[in-house]
Amino acid sequence: QVQLVESGGGLVQPGGSLRLSCAASGPIFSINAMGWYRQAPGKQRELVAAISSVGWINYSDFAKGRFTISRDNAKNTMYLQMNSLKPEDTAVYYCKVVATTSFGATDYWGQGTQVTVSS
């Protein structure tokens, strides 16, 4: 079974930084796209940023210039460096991985990590 373990969330003051990590493990043949999503209370889950297996990157408008997505293919790990954090960035952040296993290509989600931006 593919497992995703997220880490790096927490409480930070406005203007601060956090770095999220998402490590995938299990019977993975390959990892295709990886992405970060977030969901604030009372709101729908939304894309933060995504990165393909060859490094093509897409950011949502609110993430451009402040967040940086990256991945280490050797470690099956994805990162999200978040700078200049704002209170409106407060949400549960989820990673999603499209992984190919013996069952084919499937979406897998992490358990989520809370990010709270507050003074």
N, C-alpha and C. Protein backbone atom coordinates (compact mmCIF):
# COMPACT_ATOMS: atom_id res chain seq x y z
N GLN A 1 0.84 -1.18 0.00
CA GLN A 1 0.00 0.00 0.00
C GLN A 1 0.89 1.25 0.00
N VAL A 2 0.59 2.17 -0.88
CA VAL A 2 1.35 3.42 -0.94
C VAL A 2 0.96 4.29 0.25
N GLN A 3 1.94 4.84 0.90
CA GLN A 3 1.70 5.75 2.03
C GLN A 3 2.40 7.08 1.77
N LEU A 4 1.74 8.15 2.17
CA LEU A 4 2.31 9.49 2.09
C LEU A 4 2.39 10.05 3.50
N VAL A 5 3.56 10.50 3.87
CA VAL A 5 3.77 11.08 5.19
C VAL A 5 4.16 12.54 5.03
N GLU A 6 3.32 13.40 5.58
CA GLU A 6 3.57 14.83 5.50
C GLU A 6 4.17 15.32 6.81
N SER A 7 4.95 16.37 6.71
CA SER A 7 5.51 16.99 7.90
C SER A 7 5.83 18.44 7.60
N GLY A 8 6.06 19.21 8.67
CA GLY A 8 6.50 20.59 8.50
C GLY A 8 5.49 21.65 8.82
N GLY A 9 4.25 21.27 9.08
CA GLY A 9 3.26 22.28 9.42
C GLY A 9 3.48 22.83 10.81
N GLY A 10 2.69 23.85 11.14
CA GLY A 10 2.79 24.42 12.47
C GLY A 10 2.23 25.81 12.52
N LEU A 11 2.56 26.49 13.61
CA LEU A 11 2.12 27.86 13.84
C LEU A 11 3.27 28.81 13.51
N VAL A 12 2.97 29.82 12.72
CA VAL A 12 3.98 30.79 12.33
C VAL A 12 3.36 32.17 12.30
N GLN A 13 4.15 33.17 12.57
CA GLN A 13 3.65 34.55 12.53
C GLN A 13 3.56 35.04 11.09
N PRO A 14 2.70 36.00 10.84
CA PRO A 14 2.64 36.59 9.50
C PRO A 14 4.02 37.07 9.05
N GLY A 15 4.32 36.77 7.78
CA GLY A 15 5.63 37.10 7.25
C GLY A 15 6.66 36.00 7.42
N GLY A 16 6.32 34.99 8.19
CA GLY A 16 7.26 33.90 8.45
C GLY A 16 7.27 32.87 7.34
N SER A 17 8.03 31.80 7.58
CA SER A 17 8.21 30.75 6.58
C SER A 17 8.01 29.37 7.19
N LEU A 18 7.61 28.46 6.35
CA LEU A 18 7.52 27.05 6.70
C LEU A 18 7.91 26.23 5.49
N ARG A 19 8.41 25.03 5.75
CA ARG A 19 8.74 24.10 4.68
C ARG A 19 8.01 22.79 4.94
N LEU A 20 7.14 22.44 4.03
CA LEU A 20 6.40 21.18 4.13
C LEU A 20 7.12 20.10 3.33
N SER A 21 7.02 18.87 3.83
CA SER A 21 7.58 17.72 3.12
C SER A 21 6.51 16.66 2.98
N CYS A 22 6.62 15.89 1.91
CA CYS A 22 5.70 14.78 1.66
C CYS A 22 6.53 13.63 1.11
N ALA A 23 6.63 12.57 1.89
CA ALA A 23 7.44 11.41 1.49
C ALA A 23 6.52 10.25 1.14
N ALA A 24 6.74 9.68 -0.03
CA ALA A 24 5.94 8.54 -0.49
C ALA A 24 6.74 7.26 -0.32
N SER A 25 6.04 6.22 0.12
CA SER A 25 6.69 4.92 0.28
C SER A 25 5.71 3.82 -0.11
N GLY A 26 6.25 2.62 -0.33
CA GLY A 26 5.42 1.50 -0.71
C GLY A 26 5.83 0.93 -2.05
N PRO A 27 4.99 0.04 -2.59
CA PRO A 27 5.33 -0.65 -3.84
C PRO A 27 5.11 0.23 -5.07
N ILE A 28 5.93 1.25 -5.19
CA ILE A 28 5.78 2.25 -6.26
C ILE A 28 6.70 1.93 -7.41
N PHE A 29 6.15 1.87 -8.60
CA PHE A 29 6.98 1.72 -9.79
C PHE A 29 7.54 3.08 -10.21
N SER A 30 6.68 4.07 -10.20
CA SER A 30 7.11 5.41 -10.56
C SER A 30 6.10 6.41 -10.02
N ILE A 31 6.57 7.64 -9.85
CA ILE A 31 5.69 8.73 -9.43
C ILE A 31 5.59 9.73 -10.56
N ASN A 32 4.40 10.04 -10.91
CA ASN A 32 4.16 10.98 -12.00
C ASN A 32 4.02 12.38 -11.41
N ALA A 33 2.85 12.95 -11.48
CA ALA A 33 2.65 14.29 -10.94
C ALA A 33 2.56 14.25 -9.41
N MET A 34 3.00 15.32 -8.80
CA MET A 34 2.88 15.51 -7.36
C MET A 34 2.31 16.92 -7.15
N GLY A 35 1.55 17.08 -6.09
CA GLY A 35 0.98 18.41 -5.87
C GLY A 35 0.63 18.66 -4.43
N TRP A 36 0.54 19.92 -4.10
CA TRP A 36 0.07 20.37 -2.79
C TRP A 36 -1.28 21.04 -2.95
N TYR A 37 -2.18 20.72 -2.04
CA TYR A 37 -3.50 21.32 -1.99
C TYR A 37 -3.72 21.82 -0.58
N ARG A 38 -4.71 22.70 -0.42
CA ARG A 38 -5.03 23.16 0.92
C ARG A 38 -6.53 23.33 1.05
N GLN A 39 -6.98 23.24 2.30
CA GLN A 39 -8.39 23.42 2.59
C GLN A 39 -8.54 24.19 3.88
N ALA A 40 -9.13 25.35 3.76
CA ALA A 40 -9.41 26.18 4.92
C ALA A 40 -10.81 25.85 5.43
N PRO A 41 -11.09 26.13 6.70
CA PRO A 41 -12.42 25.83 7.25
C PRO A 41 -13.52 26.48 6.44
N GLY A 42 -14.51 25.70 6.07
CA GLY A 42 -15.65 26.21 5.33
C GLY A 42 -15.41 26.45 3.85
N LYS A 43 -14.23 26.08 3.38
CA LYS A 43 -13.90 26.30 1.98
C LYS A 43 -13.56 24.98 1.29
N GLN A 44 -13.62 25.00 -0.02
CA GLN A 44 -13.27 23.83 -0.80
C GLN A 44 -11.75 23.66 -0.86
N ARG A 45 -11.34 22.42 -1.05
CA ARG A 45 -9.92 22.15 -1.23
C ARG A 45 -9.46 22.78 -2.55
N GLU A 46 -8.30 23.41 -2.52
CA GLU A 46 -7.80 24.08 -3.71
C GLU A 46 -6.35 23.73 -3.97
N LEU A 47 -5.97 23.80 -5.22
CA LEU A 47 -4.59 23.54 -5.61
C LEU A 47 -3.68 24.68 -5.14
N VAL A 48 -2.54 24.31 -4.59
CA VAL A 48 -1.52 25.29 -4.26
C VAL A 48 -0.46 25.30 -5.37
N ALA A 49 0.10 24.12 -5.64
CA ALA A 49 1.14 24.00 -6.67
C ALA A 49 1.26 22.54 -7.06
N ALA A 50 1.73 22.32 -8.28
CA ALA A 50 1.92 20.96 -8.77
C ALA A 50 3.22 20.90 -9.56
N ILE A 51 3.81 19.70 -9.57
CA ILE A 51 5.06 19.50 -10.29
C ILE A 51 5.02 18.14 -10.98
N SER A 52 5.41 18.13 -12.24
CA SER A 52 5.37 16.88 -13.00
C SER A 52 6.66 16.09 -12.79
N SER A 53 6.71 14.92 -13.36
CA SER A 53 7.88 14.06 -13.21
C SER A 53 9.11 14.64 -13.89
N VAL A 54 8.90 15.54 -14.84
CA VAL A 54 10.04 16.15 -15.55
C VAL A 54 10.27 17.59 -15.10
N GLY A 55 9.57 18.00 -14.05
CA GLY A 55 9.84 19.30 -13.46
C GLY A 55 8.97 20.46 -13.93
N TRP A 56 7.95 20.17 -14.73
CA TRP A 56 7.01 21.23 -15.11
C TRP A 56 6.23 21.63 -13.87
N ILE A 57 6.11 22.92 -13.62
CA ILE A 57 5.50 23.43 -12.38
C ILE A 57 4.34 24.36 -12.69
N ASN A 58 3.30 24.23 -11.86
CA ASN A 58 2.15 25.12 -11.96
C ASN A 58 1.83 25.65 -10.57
N TYR A 59 1.68 26.95 -10.43
CA TYR A 59 1.32 27.57 -9.16
C TYR A 59 -0.04 28.24 -9.29
N SER A 60 -0.82 28.17 -8.23
CA SER A 60 -2.01 29.00 -8.16
C SER A 60 -1.55 30.45 -7.97
N ASP A 61 -2.42 31.36 -8.33
CA ASP A 61 -2.02 32.77 -8.30
C ASP A 61 -1.56 33.21 -6.91
N PHE A 62 -2.23 32.73 -5.86
CA PHE A 62 -1.88 33.18 -4.52
C PHE A 62 -0.51 32.66 -4.08
N ALA A 63 -0.01 31.63 -4.76
CA ALA A 63 1.27 31.02 -4.38
C ALA A 63 2.46 31.61 -5.15
N LYS A 64 2.17 32.21 -6.26
CA LYS A 64 3.25 32.73 -7.11
C LYS A 64 4.07 33.79 -6.38
N GLY A 65 5.38 33.62 -6.43
CA GLY A 65 6.28 34.58 -5.82
C GLY A 65 6.52 34.36 -4.34
N ARG A 66 5.70 33.51 -3.69
CA ARG A 66 5.88 33.28 -2.26
C ARG A 66 6.21 31.82 -1.94
N PHE A 67 5.62 30.90 -2.71
CA PHE A 67 5.80 29.47 -2.46
C PHE A 67 6.66 28.86 -3.56
N THR A 68 7.43 27.84 -3.18
CA THR A 68 8.26 27.12 -4.14
C THR A 68 8.06 25.62 -3.94
N ILE A 69 7.65 24.95 -4.99
CA ILE A 69 7.48 23.50 -4.95
C ILE A 69 8.71 22.84 -5.56
N SER A 70 9.11 21.72 -5.00
CA SER A 70 10.24 20.98 -5.55
C SER A 70 10.06 19.50 -5.21
N ARG A 71 10.86 18.67 -5.83
CA ARG A 71 10.78 17.24 -5.57
C ARG A 71 12.16 16.61 -5.70
N ASP A 72 12.35 15.56 -4.92
CA ASP A 72 13.57 14.76 -4.98
C ASP A 72 13.13 13.37 -5.43
N ASN A 73 13.32 13.08 -6.70
CA ASN A 73 12.83 11.82 -7.25
C ASN A 73 13.53 10.61 -6.62
N ALA A 74 14.76 10.77 -6.24
CA ALA A 74 15.49 9.65 -5.64
C ALA A 74 14.90 9.26 -4.29
N LYS A 75 14.28 10.23 -3.63
CA LYS A 75 13.71 9.99 -2.30
C LYS A 75 12.18 9.91 -2.34
N ASN A 76 11.60 10.03 -3.53
CA ASN A 76 10.13 10.05 -3.64
C ASN A 76 9.53 11.07 -2.69
N THR A 77 10.14 12.22 -2.64
CA THR A 77 9.74 13.25 -1.69
C THR A 77 9.50 14.58 -2.40
N MET A 78 8.49 15.27 -1.93
CA MET A 78 8.13 16.57 -2.47
C MET A 78 8.18 17.59 -1.34
N TYR A 79 8.49 18.82 -1.70
CA TYR A 79 8.61 19.88 -0.71
C TYR A 79 7.77 21.09 -1.14
N LEU A 80 7.39 21.89 -0.16
CA LEU A 80 6.77 23.17 -0.42
C LEU A 80 7.38 24.19 0.53
N GLN A 81 8.19 25.07 -0.02
CA GLN A 81 8.76 26.16 0.76
C GLN A 81 7.79 27.33 0.70
N MET A 82 7.32 27.75 1.84
CA MET A 82 6.33 28.83 1.91
C MET A 82 6.95 30.01 2.64
N ASN A 83 7.06 31.13 1.95
CA ASN A 83 7.61 32.36 2.52
C ASN A 83 6.54 33.45 2.56
N SER A 84 6.81 34.48 3.31
CA SER A 84 5.89 35.62 3.40
C SER A 84 4.46 35.16 3.69
N LEU A 85 4.32 34.29 4.65
CA LEU A 85 3.02 33.71 4.94
C LEU A 85 2.05 34.77 5.47
N LYS A 86 0.79 34.59 5.10
CA LYS A 86 -0.28 35.51 5.48
C LYS A 86 -1.33 34.74 6.28
N PRO A 87 -2.11 35.42 7.09
CA PRO A 87 -3.18 34.74 7.84
C PRO A 87 -4.11 33.95 6.92
N GLU A 88 -4.34 34.44 5.73
CA GLU A 88 -5.24 33.74 4.80
C GLU A 88 -4.63 32.45 4.24
N ASP A 89 -3.37 32.20 4.54
CA ASP A 89 -2.75 30.92 4.16
C ASP A 89 -3.07 29.82 5.17
N THR A 90 -3.71 30.17 6.26
CA THR A 90 -4.08 29.19 7.27
C THR A 90 -5.02 28.14 6.68
N ALA A 91 -4.63 26.89 6.78
CA ALA A 91 -5.40 25.80 6.20
C ALA A 91 -4.71 24.47 6.54
N VAL A 92 -5.41 23.39 6.24
CA VAL A 92 -4.77 22.08 6.25
C VAL A 92 -4.19 21.85 4.85
N TYR A 93 -2.93 21.52 4.81
CA TYR A 93 -2.24 21.32 3.54
C TYR A 93 -2.08 19.82 3.29
N TYR A 94 -2.50 19.42 2.10
CA TYR A 94 -2.45 18.01 1.71
C TYR A 94 -1.53 17.82 0.52
N CYS A 95 -0.81 16.71 0.52
CA CYS A 95 -0.06 16.37 -0.69
C CYS A 95 -0.82 15.29 -1.44
N LYS A 96 -0.68 15.34 -2.74
CA LYS A 96 -1.28 14.34 -3.62
C LYS A 96 -0.22 13.84 -4.59
N VAL A 97 -0.20 12.55 -4.75
CA VAL A 97 0.77 11.92 -5.64
C VAL A 97 0.04 11.01 -6.62
N VAL A 98 0.42 11.09 -7.87
CA VAL A 98 -0.06 10.14 -8.86
C VAL A 98 1.05 9.11 -9.02
N ALA A 99 0.82 7.93 -8.48
CA ALA A 99 1.85 6.89 -8.46
C ALA A 99 1.40 5.69 -9.27
N THR A 100 2.36 5.09 -9.94
CA THR A 100 2.10 3.87 -10.69
C THR A 100 2.57 2.67 -9.88
N THR A 101 1.65 1.77 -9.62
CA THR A 101 1.96 0.53 -8.92
C THR A 101 1.54 -0.63 -9.82
N SER A 102 1.53 -1.82 -9.28
CA SER A 102 1.09 -2.97 -10.07
C SER A 102 -0.38 -2.87 -10.44
N PHE A 103 -1.09 -1.96 -9.79
CA PHE A 103 -2.51 -1.76 -10.08
C PHE A 103 -2.74 -0.64 -11.08
N GLY A 104 -1.67 -0.02 -11.55
CA GLY A 104 -1.80 1.08 -12.48
C GLY A 104 -1.56 2.42 -11.80
N ALA A 105 -1.91 3.50 -12.51
CA ALA A 105 -1.71 4.85 -11.99
C ALA A 105 -2.89 5.26 -11.13
N THR A 106 -2.62 5.68 -9.91
CA THR A 106 -3.67 6.01 -8.94
C THR A 106 -3.27 7.26 -8.18
N ASP A 107 -4.28 8.03 -7.78
CA ASP A 107 -4.06 9.19 -6.91
C ASP A 107 -3.98 8.73 -5.46
N TYR A 108 -3.00 9.26 -4.76
CA TYR A 108 -2.87 9.00 -3.33
C TYR A 108 -2.78 10.35 -2.60
N TRP A 109 -3.42 10.41 -1.43
CA TRP A 109 -3.44 11.64 -0.64
C TRP A 109 -2.77 11.43 0.70
N GLY A 110 -2.07 12.48 1.16
CA GLY A 110 -1.55 12.46 2.50
C GLY A 110 -2.63 12.77 3.52
N GLN A 111 -2.26 12.66 4.78
CA GLN A 111 -3.23 12.85 5.87
C GLN A 111 -3.49 14.32 6.17
N GLY A 112 -2.65 15.19 5.65
CA GLY A 112 -2.82 16.62 5.88
C GLY A 112 -1.97 17.11 7.04
N THR A 113 -1.49 18.33 6.90
CA THR A 113 -0.73 18.97 7.98
C THR A 113 -1.25 20.39 8.16
N GLN A 114 -1.49 20.77 9.39
CA GLN A 114 -2.08 22.08 9.69
C GLN A 114 -1.03 23.17 9.62
N VAL A 115 -1.38 24.22 8.90
CA VAL A 115 -0.57 25.43 8.86
C VAL A 115 -1.42 26.57 9.40
N THR A 116 -0.94 27.22 10.43
CA THR A 116 -1.66 28.33 11.04
C THR A 116 -0.75 29.54 11.04
N VAL A 117 -1.25 30.61 10.44
CA VAL A 117 -0.49 31.86 10.37
C VAL A 117 -1.22 32.89 11.23
N SER A 118 -0.61 33.23 12.34
CA SER A 118 -1.27 34.11 13.29
C SER A 118 -0.24 34.76 14.19
N SER A 119 -0.56 35.97 14.60
CA SER A 119 0.31 36.67 15.55
C SER A 119 -0.15 36.43 16.98
